[in-house]
């Protein structure tokens, strides 16, 4: 299996250039956020605390509340299921009550410029597709390097390693200009109306629903 090396120096990343995926305004992004737990947030809030164990946190260590903020989500026809696959991949159990998890979908109000990790940019930069599926501590170093090398990049688009390579996004705080005032969907997992929406993706993924 290809290894994931350390990111190259900033000057090399600048020379390689960024492969930009233009995410147009009115793109619907799905995400799961938690109103409880260690890092409670609201539906459109970027997480300032980091780095955590999440793959592409670009925060500077040690973990603290920073001006660098991040928001993870998914796009595409199967985006809702992708969020389930990604968020609950460690336990493969979806708890409808514990953690106060909430599903939200919102439509962006501005174009976003995302570094495309679904094509051959990782290879050209000296990495591989392991960037989206390999060791997370090393992937976070890449995200930090990308953030520093490309000041016009609003975040990353990358393939889900848990749901058939569906598209995920990691948005830096630079993308906050694209956040709408209100979401188009925002319901807690404990809402009876959400139960039916959870059953199909959990069954398809083989995740336990409690």
Protein backbone atom coordinates (compact mmCIF):
# COMPACT_ATOMS: atom_id res chain seq x y z
CA UNK A 1 0.00 0.00 0.00
CA UNK A 2 1.35 3.48 -0.82
CA UNK A 3 2.67 5.35 2.19
CA UNK A 4 1.72 8.90 3.09
CA UNK A 5 4.89 10.98 3.38
CA UNK A 6 5.28 14.31 5.07
CA UNK A 7 4.04 17.22 2.94
CA UNK A 8 6.65 18.96 0.80
CA UNK A 9 7.93 22.44 1.67
CA UNK A 10 5.62 25.37 1.00
CA UNK A 11 7.70 26.53 -1.97
CA UNK A 12 7.19 23.17 -3.67
CA UNK A 13 3.43 23.19 -3.08
CA UNK A 14 3.24 26.68 -4.54
CA UNK A 15 5.19 25.51 -7.59
CA UNK A 16 2.94 22.46 -8.06
CA UNK A 17 -0.16 24.64 -7.85
CA UNK A 18 -3.65 23.85 -6.64
CA UNK A 19 -6.18 21.83 -8.63
CA UNK A 20 -9.32 23.81 -7.92
CA UNK A 21 -12.80 22.33 -7.75
CA UNK A 22 -15.33 25.15 -8.02
CA UNK A 23 -18.23 24.44 -5.72
CA UNK A 24 -20.97 26.73 -7.02
CA UNK A 25 -23.33 28.78 -4.92
CA UNK A 26 -26.56 26.97 -4.00
CA UNK A 27 -24.74 23.67 -3.53
CA UNK A 28 -26.45 21.72 -0.75
CA UNK A 29 -24.07 20.49 1.92
CA UNK A 30 -25.13 17.92 4.50
CA UNK A 31 -23.44 17.58 7.86
CA UNK A 32 -23.99 16.09 11.29
CA UNK A 33 -23.29 18.30 14.26
CA UNK A 34 -23.61 17.66 17.96
CA UNK A 35 -25.36 19.90 20.44
CA UNK A 36 -23.68 17.97 23.27
CA UNK A 37 -20.40 16.20 23.94
CA UNK A 38 -16.90 17.68 24.09
CA UNK A 39 -17.34 20.18 21.24
CA UNK A 40 -21.00 21.25 20.94
CA UNK A 41 -21.80 23.46 17.97
CA UNK A 42 -24.71 25.03 16.15
CA UNK A 43 -25.81 24.06 12.63
CA UNK A 44 -23.59 26.52 10.77
CA UNK A 45 -20.77 26.94 13.25
CA UNK A 46 -17.21 26.16 12.23
CA UNK A 47 -15.23 24.35 14.94
CA UNK A 48 -12.54 26.61 16.41
CA UNK A 49 -11.15 24.01 18.82
CA UNK A 50 -8.46 21.83 17.40
CA UNK A 51 -6.72 19.90 16.23
CA UNK A 52 -8.92 16.97 17.16
CA UNK A 53 -8.67 13.46 15.73
CA UNK A 54 -10.54 14.54 12.58
CA UNK A 55 -8.70 13.95 9.31
CA UNK A 56 -8.15 17.43 7.90
CA UNK A 57 -8.06 19.75 10.92
CA UNK A 58 -5.63 22.52 9.97
CA UNK A 59 -5.32 23.91 13.49
CA UNK A 60 -1.87 24.41 14.96
CA UNK A 61 -0.93 22.13 17.86
CA UNK A 62 -1.37 21.97 20.77
CA UNK A 63 -5.18 21.78 20.76
CA UNK A 64 -6.81 25.08 21.64
CA UNK A 65 -9.52 27.47 20.47
CA UNK A 66 -8.05 29.19 17.42
CA UNK A 67 -8.81 31.55 14.58
CA UNK A 68 -8.39 28.53 12.31
CA UNK A 69 -11.79 26.86 12.10
CA UNK A 70 -13.21 23.92 10.17
CA UNK A 71 -16.52 22.40 9.13
CA UNK A 72 -16.92 18.92 7.63
CA UNK A 73 -19.76 17.88 5.35
CA UNK A 74 -20.79 15.90 2.28
CA UNK A 75 -22.31 16.74 -1.09
CA UNK A 76 -24.10 14.85 -3.82
CA UNK A 77 -27.16 12.63 -4.13
CA UNK A 78 -26.04 10.33 -1.31
CA UNK A 79 -24.68 13.05 0.96
CA UNK A 80 -26.94 12.29 3.91
CA UNK A 81 -25.78 8.66 3.99
CA UNK A 82 -22.16 9.76 3.59
CA UNK A 83 -22.37 11.86 6.73
CA UNK A 84 -23.62 8.81 8.64
CA UNK A 85 -20.80 6.66 7.23
CA UNK A 86 -18.13 9.20 8.14
CA UNK A 87 -19.28 10.41 11.55
CA UNK A 88 -20.03 7.01 13.03
CA UNK A 89 -17.27 4.98 11.37
CA UNK A 90 -15.42 4.17 14.60
CA UNK A 91 -18.33 2.58 16.49
CA UNK A 92 -20.59 1.82 13.50
CA UNK A 93 -23.46 2.53 15.87
CA UNK A 94 -25.86 5.44 15.40
CA UNK A 95 -27.32 6.53 18.74
CA UNK A 96 -30.44 8.65 18.26
CA UNK A 97 -30.25 10.19 21.73
CA UNK A 98 -26.74 10.25 23.13
CA UNK A 99 -24.68 13.20 21.94
CA UNK A 100 -27.69 15.16 20.66
CA UNK A 101 -26.65 14.56 17.06
CA UNK A 102 -28.45 16.65 14.49
CA UNK A 103 -28.71 16.37 10.72
CA UNK A 104 -28.54 19.62 8.80
CA UNK A 105 -28.53 20.56 5.13
CA UNK A 106 -27.81 24.07 3.90
CA UNK A 107 -27.36 25.70 0.50
CA UNK A 108 -24.25 27.81 0.03
CA UNK A 109 -24.67 31.45 -0.96
CA UNK A 110 -21.29 31.96 -2.67
CA UNK A 111 -18.91 30.00 -4.88
CA UNK A 112 -16.16 28.12 -3.04
CA UNK A 113 -12.72 27.17 -4.31
CA UNK A 114 -11.74 23.75 -2.97
CA UNK A 115 -8.50 21.87 -3.47
CA UNK A 116 -9.47 18.72 -5.38
CA UNK A 117 -8.12 15.60 -3.68
CA UNK A 118 -10.24 13.29 -5.86
CA UNK A 119 -7.96 13.52 -8.90
CA UNK A 120 -4.22 13.29 -9.44
CA UNK A 121 -3.15 16.29 -7.35
CA UNK A 122 -2.17 14.08 -4.38
CA UNK A 123 0.12 12.06 -6.66
CA UNK A 124 1.69 15.16 -8.22
CA UNK A 125 2.29 16.55 -4.74
CA UNK A 126 4.13 13.41 -3.67
CA UNK A 127 1.31 11.69 -1.81
CA UNK A 128 -1.46 9.37 -3.08
CA UNK A 129 -5.15 8.68 -2.50
CA UNK A 130 -4.04 7.42 0.92
CA UNK A 131 -4.33 11.09 1.87
CA UNK A 132 -8.10 10.53 2.18
CA UNK A 133 -7.93 7.17 3.93
CA UNK A 134 -4.56 6.76 5.63
CA UNK A 135 -3.15 7.95 8.96
CA UNK A 136 -5.04 10.98 10.17
CA UNK A 137 -2.16 12.68 12.01
CA UNK A 138 -0.21 12.78 8.75
CA UNK A 139 -3.26 13.99 6.79
CA UNK A 140 -3.64 16.87 9.24
CA UNK A 141 -0.07 17.94 8.48
CA UNK A 142 -0.98 18.01 4.79
CA UNK A 143 -4.04 20.13 5.52
CA UNK A 144 -1.92 22.60 7.48
CA UNK A 145 0.56 22.78 4.61
CA UNK A 146 -2.19 23.23 2.03
CA UNK A 147 -3.78 26.00 4.09
CA UNK A 148 -0.47 27.87 4.29
CA UNK A 149 0.52 27.37 0.64
CA UNK A 150 -2.80 28.31 -0.96
CA UNK A 151 -4.39 31.35 0.73
CA UNK A 152 -7.19 31.43 -1.86
CA UNK A 153 -8.29 27.85 -1.18
CA UNK A 154 -11.48 27.69 0.92
CA UNK A 155 -11.15 24.02 1.85
CA UNK A 156 -10.84 20.51 0.46
CA UNK A 157 -13.00 18.11 -1.51
CA UNK A 158 -12.07 14.46 -1.04
CA UNK A 159 -13.52 10.96 -1.52
CA UNK A 160 -15.24 9.22 1.35
CA UNK A 161 -13.38 6.07 2.34
CA UNK A 162 -16.56 4.80 4.03
CA UNK A 163 -19.25 5.33 1.39
CA UNK A 164 -18.15 4.35 -2.12
CA UNK A 165 -15.94 7.39 -2.72
CA UNK A 166 -18.82 9.85 -2.42
CA UNK A 167 -17.72 13.49 -2.10
CA UNK A 168 -16.86 14.98 1.26
CA UNK A 169 -15.78 18.54 2.00
CA UNK A 170 -13.63 20.06 4.71
CA UNK A 171 -14.25 23.80 4.76
CA UNK A 172 -11.76 26.20 6.30
CA UNK A 173 -13.01 29.34 8.03
CA UNK A 174 -12.35 31.13 4.73
CA UNK A 175 -15.55 29.51 3.48
CA UNK A 176 -17.72 31.19 6.12
CA UNK A 177 -18.81 33.82 3.57
CA UNK A 178 -20.79 31.09 1.80
CA UNK A 179 -22.89 30.17 4.82
CA UNK A 180 -26.60 31.04 4.55
CA UNK A 181 -28.68 32.61 7.29
CA UNK A 182 -30.89 29.55 7.60
CA UNK A 183 -30.58 25.85 6.73
CA UNK A 184 -32.98 23.99 4.47
CA UNK A 185 -33.19 21.02 6.85
CA UNK A 186 -32.28 20.82 10.55
CA UNK A 187 -33.59 18.00 12.75
CA UNK A 188 -32.21 16.08 15.71
CA UNK A 189 -31.80 12.31 15.42
CA UNK A 190 -34.29 11.91 18.26
CA UNK A 191 -37.02 13.55 16.14
CA UNK A 192 -39.51 10.80 15.18
CA UNK A 193 -39.62 12.18 11.65
CA UNK A 194 -35.91 11.40 11.22
CA UNK A 195 -36.16 7.75 12.22
CA UNK A 196 -37.28 6.65 8.76
CA UNK A 197 -34.48 8.67 7.14
CA UNK A 198 -31.89 6.91 9.29
CA UNK A 199 -33.01 3.35 8.70
CA UNK A 200 -32.04 3.00 5.04
CA UNK A 201 -28.47 4.37 5.21
CA UNK A 202 -27.77 2.42 8.40
CA UNK A 203 -29.00 -0.77 6.76
CA UNK A 204 -26.96 -0.12 3.61
CA UNK A 205 -23.81 0.57 5.62
CA UNK A 206 -24.36 -2.22 8.12
CA UNK A 207 -24.39 0.27 10.99
CA UNK A 208 -26.43 -0.41 14.13
CA UNK A 209 -29.26 2.05 14.86
CA UNK A 210 -30.32 2.45 18.49
